[in-house]
Amino acid sequence: QVRLVESGGGLVQAGGSLRLSCAASGRTINNYNMGWFRQAPGKEREFVAVISRSAGTTTDYADSVKGRFTISRDNAKNTVYLQMNSLKPEDTAVYYCAADQSVFPISTMAPQYDFWGQGTQVTVSS
């Protein structure tokens, strides 16, 4: 079992930056694809970013965040990050970290993921 705990959320003005962290415990996440998802009020959970297992050589992003968000991982710290720049009010949501323990390539689909954190709130004011 993997426990994921997100942190780093908060209130920021449009154009600002935040870095989210996802600390894992229970197992090493070195062999897990790791993703970030978000859910805004009244909307379904949506994919944000994913990074491949091990060296993290493969990443993918939602079109809405490409060029602004960067996902990275530090396996030595068992932690995944989401650097968010040029934030917009429409980025306001609860952000969730997720771990995919399968052997498949990276996925943008939430059902592929086996473990989820509790989420961290990001609010971007205009």
Foldseek 3Di string as FASTA:
>chain_A
DKAWAKDFADEEAAQAKIKMKIAIDDDQQQQWKKFKWWDDPPGDIFGAKIFHHHQRPDMDGDPVQPPFWDWDDDRVRSMIMIIGGRDDQVVWTWMKMFIANDPDTDDRDPVNTDDIYPTDTHGYHD
